[in-house]
Amino acid sequence: TNTVYAWLIQWLADNLGYDVTSIVALPYDWRLSPDKMESRDGFLTLMRKKIEAAVESNGLPGIMVAHSMGNAVFRYFLEWLRVQMQHEAYERYAQQA
């Protein structure tokens, strides 16, 4: 793998049993705010789907690695996800009531 994270990917495979083919990168446009990337490209929604697919494929908990500005993007994603999940839970409740 031609990446600065090749050693980490190999370590996850060798020591924790992760399938290296299901490890995904989530590049982003650092010039845009996460909410702008979501409204323009569906970035956060796609990020969620990719993470969920990787976790399902591995059958193991997800491990996220963020670097530099990626930390801020990932923290924003977690807050966005919390709000999305609350909305989804509300929708399920409303449909059942």
PDB file of N, CA and C in Angstrom:
ATOM      1  N   THR A   1       0.847  -1.172   0.000  1.00  0.00           N
ATOM      2  CA  THR A   1       0.000   0.000   0.000  1.00  0.00           C
ATOM      3  C   THR A   1       0.896   1.239   0.000  1.00  0.00           C
ATOM      4  N   ASN A   2       0.631   2.138  -0.896  1.00  0.00           N
ATOM      5  CA  ASN A   2       1.436   3.347  -1.029  1.00  0.00           C
ATOM      6  C   ASN A   2       0.806   4.475  -0.226  1.00  0.00           C
ATOM      7  N   THR A   3       1.054   4.468   1.064  1.00  0.00           N
ATOM      8  CA  THR A   3       0.487   5.470   1.949  1.00  0.00           C
ATOM      9  C   THR A   3       1.358   5.624   3.184  1.00  0.00           C
ATOM     10  N   VAL A   4       1.296   6.781   3.798  1.00  0.00           N
ATOM     11  CA  VAL A   4       2.051   6.988   5.034  1.00  0.00           C
ATOM     12  C   VAL A   4       1.472   6.135   6.165  1.00  0.00           C
ATOM     13  N   TYR A   5       0.283   5.618   5.971  1.00  0.00           N
ATOM     14  CA  TYR A   5      -0.351   4.778   6.984  1.00  0.00           C
ATOM     15  C   TYR A   5      -0.192   3.293   6.703  1.00  0.00           C
ATOM     16  N   ALA A   6       0.655   2.921   5.750  1.00  0.00           N
ATOM     17  CA  ALA A   6       0.827   1.508   5.385  1.00  0.00           C
ATOM     18  C   ALA A   6       1.206   0.665   6.601  1.00  0.00           C
ATOM     19  N   TRP A   7       2.094   1.173   7.443  1.00  0.00           N
ATOM     20  CA  TRP A   7       2.511   0.420   8.626  1.00  0.00           C
ATOM     21  C   TRP A   7       1.342   0.172   9.571  1.00  0.00           C
ATOM     22  N   LEU A   8       0.458   1.172   9.723  1.00  0.00           N
ATOM     23  CA  LEU A   8      -0.695   1.033  10.613  1.00  0.00           C
ATOM     24  C   LEU A   8      -1.693   0.024  10.045  1.00  0.00           C
ATOM     25  N   ILE A   9      -1.928   0.113   8.751  1.00  0.00           N
ATOM     26  CA  ILE A   9      -2.839  -0.834   8.096  1.00  0.00           C
ATOM     27  C   ILE A   9      -2.329  -2.257   8.276  1.00  0.00           C
ATOM     28  N   GLN A  10      -1.036  -2.461   8.075  1.00  0.00           N
ATOM     29  CA  GLN A  10      -0.462  -3.800   8.232  1.00  0.00           C
ATOM     30  C   GLN A  10      -0.552  -4.268   9.681  1.00  0.00           C
ATOM     31  N   TRP A  11      -0.321  -3.352  10.622  1.00  0.00           N
ATOM     32  CA  TRP A  11      -0.410  -3.705  12.035  1.00  0.00           C
ATOM     33  C   TRP A  11      -1.832  -4.128  12.399  1.00  0.00           C
ATOM     34  N   LEU A  12      -2.837  -3.402  11.917  1.00  0.00           N
ATOM     35  CA  LEU A  12      -4.236  -3.758  12.185  1.00  0.00           C
ATOM     36  C   LEU A  12      -4.547  -5.140  11.643  1.00  0.00           C
ATOM     37  N   ALA A  13      -4.018  -5.456  10.471  1.00  0.00           N
ATOM     38  CA  ALA A  13      -4.243  -6.773   9.878  1.00  0.00           C
ATOM     39  C   ALA A  13      -3.531  -7.860  10.673  1.00  0.00           C
ATOM     40  N   ASP A  14      -2.269  -7.652  10.980  1.00  0.00           N
ATOM     41  CA  ASP A  14      -1.459  -8.671  11.648  1.00  0.00           C
ATOM     42  C   ASP A  14      -1.852  -8.903  13.102  1.00  0.00           C
ATOM     43  N   ASN A  15      -2.214  -7.846  13.807  1.00  0.00           N
ATOM     44  CA  ASN A  15      -2.429  -7.963  15.250  1.00  0.00           C
ATOM     45  C   ASN A  15      -3.888  -8.006  15.685  1.00  0.00           C
ATOM     46  N   LEU A  16      -4.770  -7.439  14.882  1.00  0.00           N
ATOM     47  CA  LEU A  16      -6.174  -7.409  15.280  1.00  0.00           C
ATOM     48  C   LEU A  16      -7.091  -8.137  14.307  1.00  0.00           C
ATOM     49  N   GLY A  17      -6.532  -8.670  13.234  1.00  0.00           N
ATOM     50  CA  GLY A  17      -7.313  -9.482  12.311  1.00  0.00           C
ATOM     51  C   GLY A  17      -8.171  -8.713  11.331  1.00  0.00           C
ATOM     52  N   TYR A  18      -7.884  -7.442  11.114  1.00  0.00           N
ATOM     53  CA  TYR A  18      -8.678  -6.665  10.165  1.00  0.00           C
ATOM     54  C   TYR A  18      -8.328  -7.045   8.737  1.00  0.00           C
ATOM     55  N   ASP A  19      -9.332  -7.077   7.896  1.00  0.00           N
ATOM     56  CA  ASP A  19      -9.156  -7.349   6.474  1.00  0.00           C
ATOM     57  C   ASP A  19      -8.719  -6.046   5.808  1.00  0.00           C
ATOM     58  N   VAL A  20      -7.504  -6.028   5.287  1.00  0.00           N
ATOM     59  CA  VAL A  20      -6.975  -4.779   4.731  1.00  0.00           C
ATOM     60  C   VAL A  20      -7.762  -4.311   3.514  1.00  0.00           C
ATOM     61  N   THR A  21      -8.502  -5.191   2.875  1.00  0.00           N
ATOM     62  CA  THR A  21      -9.283  -4.763   1.707  1.00  0.00           C
ATOM     63  C   THR A  21     -10.530  -3.997   2.108  1.00  0.00           C
ATOM     64  N   SER A  22     -10.903  -4.048   3.383  1.00  0.00           N
ATOM     65  CA  SER A  22     -12.090  -3.309   3.817  1.00  0.00           C
ATOM     66  C   SER A  22     -11.734  -2.024   4.564  1.00  0.00           C
ATOM     67  N   ILE A  23     -10.462  -1.712   4.626  1.00  0.00           N
ATOM     68  CA  ILE A  23     -10.044  -0.449   5.235  1.00  0.00           C
ATOM     69  C   ILE A  23     -10.257   0.647   4.204  1.00  0.00           C
ATOM     70  N   VAL A  24     -10.954   1.699   4.612  1.00  0.00           N
ATOM     71  CA  VAL A  24     -11.297   2.756   3.664  1.00  0.00           C
ATOM     72  C   VAL A  24     -10.674   4.080   4.089  1.00  0.00           C
ATOM     73  N   ALA A  25     -10.307   4.844   3.098  1.00  0.00           N
ATOM     74  CA  ALA A  25      -9.841   6.207   3.331  1.00  0.00           C
ATOM     75  C   ALA A  25     -11.013   7.141   3.073  1.00  0.00           C
ATOM     76  N   LEU A  26     -11.075   8.206   3.805  1.00  0.00           N
ATOM     77  CA  LEU A  26     -12.158   9.167   3.658  1.00  0.00           C
ATOM     78  C   LEU A  26     -11.575  10.561   3.419  1.00  0.00           C
ATOM     79  N   PRO A  27     -11.018  10.771   2.243  1.00  0.00           N
ATOM     80  CA  PRO A  27     -10.441  12.087   1.952  1.00  0.00           C
ATOM     81  C   PRO A  27     -11.526  13.151   1.861  1.00  0.00           C
ATOM     82  N   TYR A  28     -11.143  14.371   2.122  1.00  0.00           N
ATOM     83  CA  TYR A  28     -12.105  15.472   2.101  1.00  0.00           C
ATOM     84  C   TYR A  28     -11.429  16.709   1.524  1.00  0.00           C
ATOM     85  N   ASP A  29     -12.245  17.667   1.175  1.00  0.00           N
ATOM     86  CA  ASP A  29     -11.741  18.936   0.646  1.00  0.00           C
ATOM     87  C   ASP A  29     -11.502  19.868   1.827  1.00  0.00           C
ATOM     88  N   TRP A  30     -10.273  20.051   2.216  1.00  0.00           N
ATOM     89  CA  TRP A  30      -9.935  20.834   3.396  1.00  0.00           C
ATOM     90  C   TRP A  30     -10.342  22.301   3.268  1.00  0.00           C
ATOM     91  N   ARG A  31     -10.648  22.732   2.053  1.00  0.00           N
ATOM     92  CA  ARG A  31     -11.034  24.132   1.849  1.00  0.00           C
ATOM     93  C   ARG A  31     -12.481  24.402   2.251  1.00  0.00           C
ATOM     94  N   LEU A  32     -13.266  23.336   2.407  1.00  0.00           N
ATOM     95  CA  LEU A  32     -14.695  23.492   2.701  1.00  0.00           C
ATOM     96  C   LEU A  32     -15.021  23.015   4.106  1.00  0.00           C
ATOM     97  N   SER A  33     -16.025  23.615   4.709  1.00  0.00           N
ATOM     98  CA  SER A  33     -16.493  23.174   6.016  1.00  0.00           C
ATOM     99  C   SER A  33     -17.253  21.861   5.837  1.00  0.00           C
ATOM    100  N   PRO A  34     -17.302  21.036   6.881  1.00  0.00           N
ATOM    101  CA  PRO A  34     -18.016  19.763   6.769  1.00  0.00           C
ATOM    102  C   PRO A  34     -19.491  19.934   6.376  1.00  0.00           C
ATOM    103  N   ASP A  35     -20.172  20.959   6.901  1.00  0.00           N
ATOM    104  CA  ASP A  35     -21.577  21.140   6.538  1.00  0.00           C
ATOM    105  C   ASP A  35     -21.718  21.501   5.062  1.00  0.00           C
ATOM    106  N   LYS A  36     -20.762  22.241   4.519  1.00  0.00           N
ATOM    107  CA  LYS A  36     -20.789  22.566   3.091  1.00  0.00           C
ATOM    108  C   LYS A  36     -20.531  21.305   2.259  1.00  0.00           C
ATOM    109  N   MET A  37     -19.590  20.461   2.700  1.00  0.00           N
ATOM    110  CA  MET A  37     -19.325  19.209   1.976  1.00  0.00           C
ATOM    111  C   MET A  37     -20.552  18.308   1.992  1.00  0.00           C
ATOM    112  N   GLU A  38     -21.287  18.322   3.102  1.00  0.00           N
ATOM    113  CA  GLU A  38     -22.505  17.511   3.184  1.00  0.00           C
ATOM    114  C   GLU A  38     -23.572  18.049   2.252  1.00  0.00           C
ATOM    115  N   SER A  39     -23.792  19.345   2.267  1.00  0.00           N
ATOM    116  CA  SER A  39     -24.854  19.904   1.422  1.00  0.00           C
ATOM    117  C   SER A  39     -24.492  19.813  -0.061  1.00  0.00           C
ATOM    118  N   ARG A  40     -23.215  19.935  -0.381  1.00  0.00           N
ATOM    119  CA  ARG A  40     -22.788  19.903  -1.783  1.00  0.00           C
ATOM    120  C   ARG A  40     -22.642  18.481  -2.317  1.00  0.00           C
ATOM    121  N   ASP A  41     -22.040  17.588  -1.489  1.00  0.00           N
ATOM    122  CA  ASP A  41     -21.657  16.260  -1.977  1.00  0.00           C
ATOM    123  C   ASP A  41     -22.258  15.094  -1.193  1.00  0.00           C
ATOM    124  N   GLY A  42     -22.950  15.378  -0.106  1.00  0.00           N
ATOM    125  CA  GLY A  42     -23.418  14.289   0.754  1.00  0.00           C
ATOM    126  C   GLY A  42     -22.259  13.607   1.459  1.00  0.00           C
ATOM    127  N   PHE A  43     -21.203  14.359   1.743  1.00  0.00           N
ATOM    128  CA  PHE A  43     -19.967  13.807   2.296  1.00  0.00           C
ATOM    129  C   PHE A  43     -20.182  13.054   3.603  1.00  0.00           C
ATOM    130  N   LEU A  44     -20.883  13.642   4.548  1.00  0.00           N
ATOM    131  CA  LEU A  44     -21.064  13.002   5.854  1.00  0.00           C
ATOM    132  C   LEU A  44     -21.932  11.756   5.735  1.00  0.00           C
ATOM    133  N   THR A  45     -22.946  11.812   4.900  1.00  0.00           N
ATOM    134  CA  THR A  45     -23.801  10.647   4.664  1.00  0.00           C
ATOM    135  C   THR A  45     -22.989   9.517   4.045  1.00  0.00           C
ATOM    136  N   LEU A  46     -22.164   9.846   3.065  1.00  0.00           N
ATOM    137  CA  LEU A  46     -21.321   8.847   2.419  1.00  0.00           C
ATOM    138  C   LEU A  46     -20.291   8.293   3.404  1.00  0.00           C
ATOM    139  N   MET A  47     -19.746   9.156   4.226  1.00  0.00           N
ATOM    140  CA  MET A  47     -18.788   8.731   5.245  1.00  0.00           C
ATOM    141  C   MET A  47     -19.438   7.708   6.175  1.00  0.00           C
ATOM    142  N   ARG A  48     -20.646   7.985   6.610  1.00  0.00           N
ATOM    143  CA  ARG A  48     -21.370   7.050   7.479  1.00  0.00           C
ATOM    144  C   ARG A  48     -21.565   5.711   6.784  1.00  0.00           C
ATOM    145  N   LYS A  49     -22.007   5.742   5.531  1.00  0.00           N
ATOM    146  CA  LYS A  49     -22.251   4.499   4.793  1.00  0.00           C
ATOM    147  C   LYS A  49     -20.975   3.690   4.607  1.00  0.00           C
ATOM    148  N   LYS A  50     -19.861   4.368   4.320  1.00  0.00           N
ATOM    149  CA  LYS A  50     -18.589   3.664   4.138  1.00  0.00           C
ATOM    150  C   LYS A  50     -18.115   3.028   5.433  1.00  0.00           C
ATOM    151  N   ILE A  51     -18.246   3.752   6.535  1.00  0.00           N
ATOM    152  CA  ILE A  51     -17.841   3.215   7.836  1.00  0.00           C
ATOM    153  C   ILE A  51     -18.720   2.016   8.202  1.00  0.00           C
ATOM    154  N   GLU A  52     -20.022   2.154   8.038  1.00  0.00           N
ATOM    155  CA  GLU A  52     -20.930   1.052   8.360  1.00  0.00           C
ATOM    156  C   GLU A  52     -20.638  -0.173   7.507  1.00  0.00           C
ATOM    157  N   ALA A  53     -20.344   0.022   6.224  1.00  0.00           N
ATOM    158  CA  ALA A  53     -20.036  -1.106   5.329  1.00  0.00           C
ATOM    159  C   ALA A  53     -18.741  -1.795   5.745  1.00  0.00           C
ATOM    160  N   ALA A  54     -17.736  -1.024   6.122  1.00  0.00           N
ATOM    161  CA  ALA A  54     -16.462  -1.602   6.545  1.00  0.00           C
ATOM    162  C   ALA A  54     -16.626  -2.398   7.837  1.00  0.00           C
ATOM    163  N   VAL A  55     -17.384  -1.852   8.781  1.00  0.00           N
ATOM    164  CA  VAL A  55     -17.620  -2.549  10.050  1.00  0.00           C
ATOM    165  C   VAL A  55     -18.382  -3.850   9.793  1.00  0.00           C
ATOM    166  N   GLU A  56     -19.400  -3.789   8.949  1.00  0.00           N
ATOM    167  CA  GLU A  56     -20.171  -4.995   8.634  1.00  0.00           C
ATOM    168  C   GLU A  56     -19.296  -6.031   7.932  1.00  0.00           C
ATOM    169  N   SER A  57     -18.461  -5.590   7.026  1.00  0.00           N
ATOM    170  CA  SER A  57     -17.581  -6.486   6.282  1.00  0.00           C
ATOM    171  C   SER A  57     -16.589  -7.196   7.199  1.00  0.00           C
ATOM    172  N   ASN A  58     -16.016  -6.456   8.133  1.00  0.00           N
ATOM    173  CA  ASN A  58     -15.027  -7.030   9.047  1.00  0.00           C
ATOM    174  C   ASN A  58     -15.663  -7.815  10.182  1.00  0.00           C
ATOM    175  N   GLY A  59     -16.850  -7.403  10.591  1.00  0.00           N
ATOM    176  CA  GLY A  59     -17.445  -8.016  11.763  1.00  0.00           C
ATOM    177  C   GLY A  59     -16.713  -7.618  13.039  1.00  0.00           C
ATOM    178  N   LEU A  60     -15.945  -6.556  12.955  1.00  0.00           N
ATOM    179  CA  LEU A  60     -15.181  -6.050  14.097  1.00  0.00           C
ATOM    180  C   LEU A  60     -15.525  -4.578  14.295  1.00  0.00           C
ATOM    181  N   PRO A  61     -15.294  -4.055  15.506  1.00  0.00           N
ATOM    182  CA  PRO A  61     -15.527  -2.625  15.707  1.00  0.00           C
ATOM    183  C   PRO A  61     -14.641  -1.798  14.776  1.00  0.00           C
ATOM    184  N   GLY A  62     -15.131  -0.628  14.412  1.00  0.00           N
ATOM    185  CA  GLY A  62     -14.355   0.251  13.558  1.00  0.00           C
ATOM    186  C   GLY A  62     -13.268   0.969  14.339  1.00  0.00           C
ATOM    187  N   ILE A  63     -12.148   1.186  13.684  1.00  0.00           N
ATOM    188  CA  ILE A  63     -11.058   1.980  14.248  1.00  0.00           C
ATOM    189  C   ILE A  63     -10.877   3.171  13.327  1.00  0.00           C
ATOM    190  N   MET A  64     -10.990   4.361  13.880  1.00  0.00           N
ATOM    191  CA  MET A  64     -10.858   5.573  13.085  1.00  0.00           C
ATOM    192  C   MET A  64      -9.512   6.214  13.370  1.00  0.00           C
ATOM    193  N   VAL A  65      -8.851   6.633  12.320  1.00  0.00           N
ATOM    194  CA  VAL A  65      -7.584   7.341  12.450  1.00  0.00           C
ATOM    195  C   VAL A  65      -7.744   8.662  11.711  1.00  0.00           C
ATOM    196  N   ALA A  66      -7.583   9.742  12.426  1.00  0.00           N
ATOM    197  CA  ALA A  66      -7.679  11.064  11.815  1.00  0.00           C
ATOM    198  C   ALA A  66      -6.391  11.821  12.119  1.00  0.00           C
ATOM    199  N   HIS A  67      -5.988  12.659  11.201  1.00  0.00           N
ATOM    200  CA  HIS A  67      -4.748  13.405  11.367  1.00  0.00           C
ATOM    201  C   HIS A  67      -4.990  14.883  11.089  1.00  0.00           C
ATOM    202  N   SER A  68      -4.423  15.717  11.908  1.00  0.00           N
ATOM    203  CA  SER A  68      -4.442  17.154  11.708  1.00  0.00           C
ATOM    204  C   SER A  68      -5.875  17.670  11.569  1.00  0.00           C
ATOM    205  N   MET A  69      -6.193  18.330  10.470  1.00  0.00           N
ATOM    206  CA  MET A  69      -7.529  18.898  10.264  1.00  0.00           C
ATOM    207  C   MET A  69      -8.599  17.804  10.193  1.00  0.00           C
ATOM    208  N   GLY A  70      -8.182  16.603   9.842  1.00  0.00           N
ATOM    209  CA  GLY A  70      -9.121  15.485   9.820  1.00  0.00           C
ATOM    210  C   GLY A  70      -9.754  15.227  11.174  1.00  0.00           C
ATOM    211  N   ASN A  71      -9.047  15.579  12.250  1.00  0.00           N
ATOM    212  CA  ASN A  71      -9.621  15.444  13.590  1.00  0.00           C
ATOM    213  C   ASN A  71     -10.854  16.324  13.746  1.00  0.00           C
ATOM    214  N   ALA A  72     -10.767  17.555  13.267  1.00  0.00           N
ATOM    215  CA  ALA A  72     -11.906  18.475  13.353  1.00  0.00           C
ATOM    216  C   ALA A  72     -13.062  17.978  12.486  1.00  0.00           C
ATOM    217  N   VAL A  73     -12.750  17.466  11.314  1.00  0.00           N
ATOM    218  CA  VAL A  73     -13.791  16.931  10.430  1.00  0.00           C
ATOM    219  C   VAL A  73     -14.454  15.722  11.090  1.00  0.00           C
ATOM    220  N   PHE A  74     -13.656  14.842  11.684  1.00  0.00           N
ATOM    221  CA  PHE A  74     -14.217  13.652  12.315  1.00  0.00           C
ATOM    222  C   PHE A  74     -15.050  14.009  13.538  1.00  0.00           C
ATOM    223  N   ARG A  75     -14.622  14.970  14.312  1.00  0.00           N
ATOM    224  CA  ARG A  75     -15.420  15.409  15.472  1.00  0.00           C
ATOM    225  C   ARG A  75     -16.754  15.996  15.011  1.00  0.00           C
ATOM    226  N   TYR A  76     -16.714  16.759  13.927  1.00  0.00           N
ATOM    227  CA  TYR A  76     -17.942  17.308  13.354  1.00  0.00           C
ATOM    228  C   TYR A  76     -18.837  16.166  12.907  1.00  0.00           C
ATOM    229  N   PHE A  77     -18.256  15.167  12.256  1.00  0.00           N
ATOM    230  CA  PHE A  77     -19.011  13.998  11.808  1.00  0.00           C
ATOM    231  C   PHE A  77     -19.701  13.305  12.977  1.00  0.00           C
ATOM    232  N   LEU A  78     -19.002  13.128  14.087  1.00  0.00           N
ATOM    233  CA  LEU A  78     -19.601  12.458  15.244  1.00  0.00           C
ATOM    234  C   LEU A  78     -20.800  13.242  15.784  1.00  0.00           C
ATOM    235  N   GLU A  79     -20.682  14.556  15.836  1.00  0.00           N
ATOM    236  CA  GLU A  79     -21.805  15.378  16.298  1.00  0.00           C
ATOM    237  C   GLU A  79     -22.958  15.304  15.297  1.00  0.00           C
ATOM    238  N   TRP A  80     -22.639  15.380  14.014  1.00  0.00           N
ATOM    239  CA  TRP A  80     -23.656  15.258  12.956  1.00  0.00           C
ATOM    240  C   TRP A  80     -24.356  13.912  13.074  1.00  0.00           C
ATOM    241  N   LEU A  81     -23.586  12.854  13.299  1.00  0.00           N
ATOM    242  CA  LEU A  81     -24.146  11.509  13.409  1.00  0.00           C
ATOM    243  C   LEU A  81     -25.081  11.389  14.611  1.00  0.00           C
ATOM    244  N   ARG A  82     -24.689  11.993  15.719  1.00  0.00           N
ATOM    245  CA  ARG A  82     -25.541  11.966  16.919  1.00  0.00           C
ATOM    246  C   ARG A  82     -26.899  12.591  16.613  1.00  0.00           C
ATOM    247  N   VAL A  83     -26.906  13.722  15.949  1.00  0.00           N
ATOM    248  CA  VAL A  83     -28.153  14.403  15.592  1.00  0.00           C
ATOM    249  C   VAL A  83     -28.950  13.556  14.602  1.00  0.00           C
ATOM    250  N   GLN A  84     -28.281  12.988  13.599  1.00  0.00           N
ATOM    251  CA  GLN A  84     -28.954  12.140  12.608  1.00  0.00           C
ATOM    252  C   GLN A  84     -29.613  10.938  13.267  1.00  0.00           C
ATOM    253  N   MET A  85     -28.893  10.309  14.188  1.00  0.00           N
ATOM    254  CA  MET A  85     -29.427   9.114  14.846  1.00  0.00           C
ATOM    255  C   MET A  85     -30.614   9.461  15.735  1.00  0.00           C
ATOM    256  N   GLN A  86     -30.569  10.625  16.374  1.00  0.00           N
ATOM    257  CA  GLN A  86     -31.720  11.053  17.169  1.00  0.00           C
ATOM    258  C   GLN A  86     -32.925  11.261  16.262  1.00  0.00           C
ATOM    259  N   HIS A  87     -32.708  11.873  15.114  1.00  0.00           N
ATOM    260  CA  HIS A  87     -33.789  12.113  14.159  1.00  0.00           C
ATOM    261  C   HIS A  87     -34.358  10.786  13.662  1.00  0.00           C
ATOM    262  N   GLU A  88     -33.480   9.837  13.338  1.00  0.00           N
ATOM    263  CA  GLU A  88     -33.927   8.526  12.868  1.00  0.00           C
ATOM    264  C   GLU A  88     -34.724   7.796  13.941  1.00  0.00           C
ATOM    265  N   ALA A  89     -34.267   7.880  15.192  1.00  0.00           N
ATOM    266  CA  ALA A  89     -34.992   7.239  16.297  1.00  0.00           C
ATOM    267  C   ALA A  89     -36.365   7.877  16.469  1.00  0.00           C
ATOM    268  N   TYR A  90     -36.438   9.195  16.342  1.00  0.00           N
ATOM    269  CA  TYR A  90     -37.708   9.893  16.435  1.00  0.00           C
ATOM    270  C   TYR A  90     -38.650   9.446  15.318  1.00  0.00           C
ATOM    271  N   GLU A  91     -38.126   9.360  14.094  1.00  0.00           N
ATOM    272  CA  GLU A  91     -38.938   8.926  12.960  1.00  0.00           C
ATOM    273  C   GLU A  91     -39.478   7.517  13.167  1.00  0.00           C
ATOM    274  N   ARG A  92     -38.644   6.609  13.655  1.00  0.00           N
ATOM    275  CA  ARG A  92     -39.109   5.233  13.936  1.00  0.00           C
ATOM    276  C   ARG A  92     -40.204   5.242  14.996  1.00  0.00           C
ATOM    277  N   TYR A  93     -40.012   6.045  16.048  1.00  0.00           N
ATOM    278  CA  TYR A  93     -40.993   6.143  17.116  1.00  0.00           C
ATOM    279  C   TYR A  93     -42.317   6.699  16.572  1.00  0.00           C
ATOM    280  N   ALA A  94     -42.227   7.763  15.786  1.00  0.00           N
ATOM    281  CA  ALA A  94     -43.431   8.403  15.245  1.00  0.00           C
ATOM    282  C   ALA A  94     -44.197   7.432  14.323  1.00  0.00           C
ATOM    283  N   GLN A  95     -43.486   6.629  13.573  1.00  0.00           N
ATOM    284  CA  GLN A  95     -44.148   5.666  12.682  1.00  0.00           C
ATOM    285  C   GLN A  95     -44.829   4.542  13.459  1.00  0.00           C
ATOM    286  N   GLN A  96     -44.271   4.201  14.613  1.00  0.00           N
ATOM    287  CA  GLN A  96     -44.840   3.122  15.418  1.00  0.00           C
ATOM    288  C   GLN A  96     -46.034   3.599  16.255  1.00  0.00           C
ATOM    289  N   ALA A  97     -46.098   4.884  16.546  1.00  0.00           N
ATOM    290  CA  ALA A  97     -47.145   5.418  17.419  1.00  0.00           C
ATOM    291  C   ALA A  97     -48.472   5.539  16.683  1.00  0.00           C
TER     292      ALA A  97
END
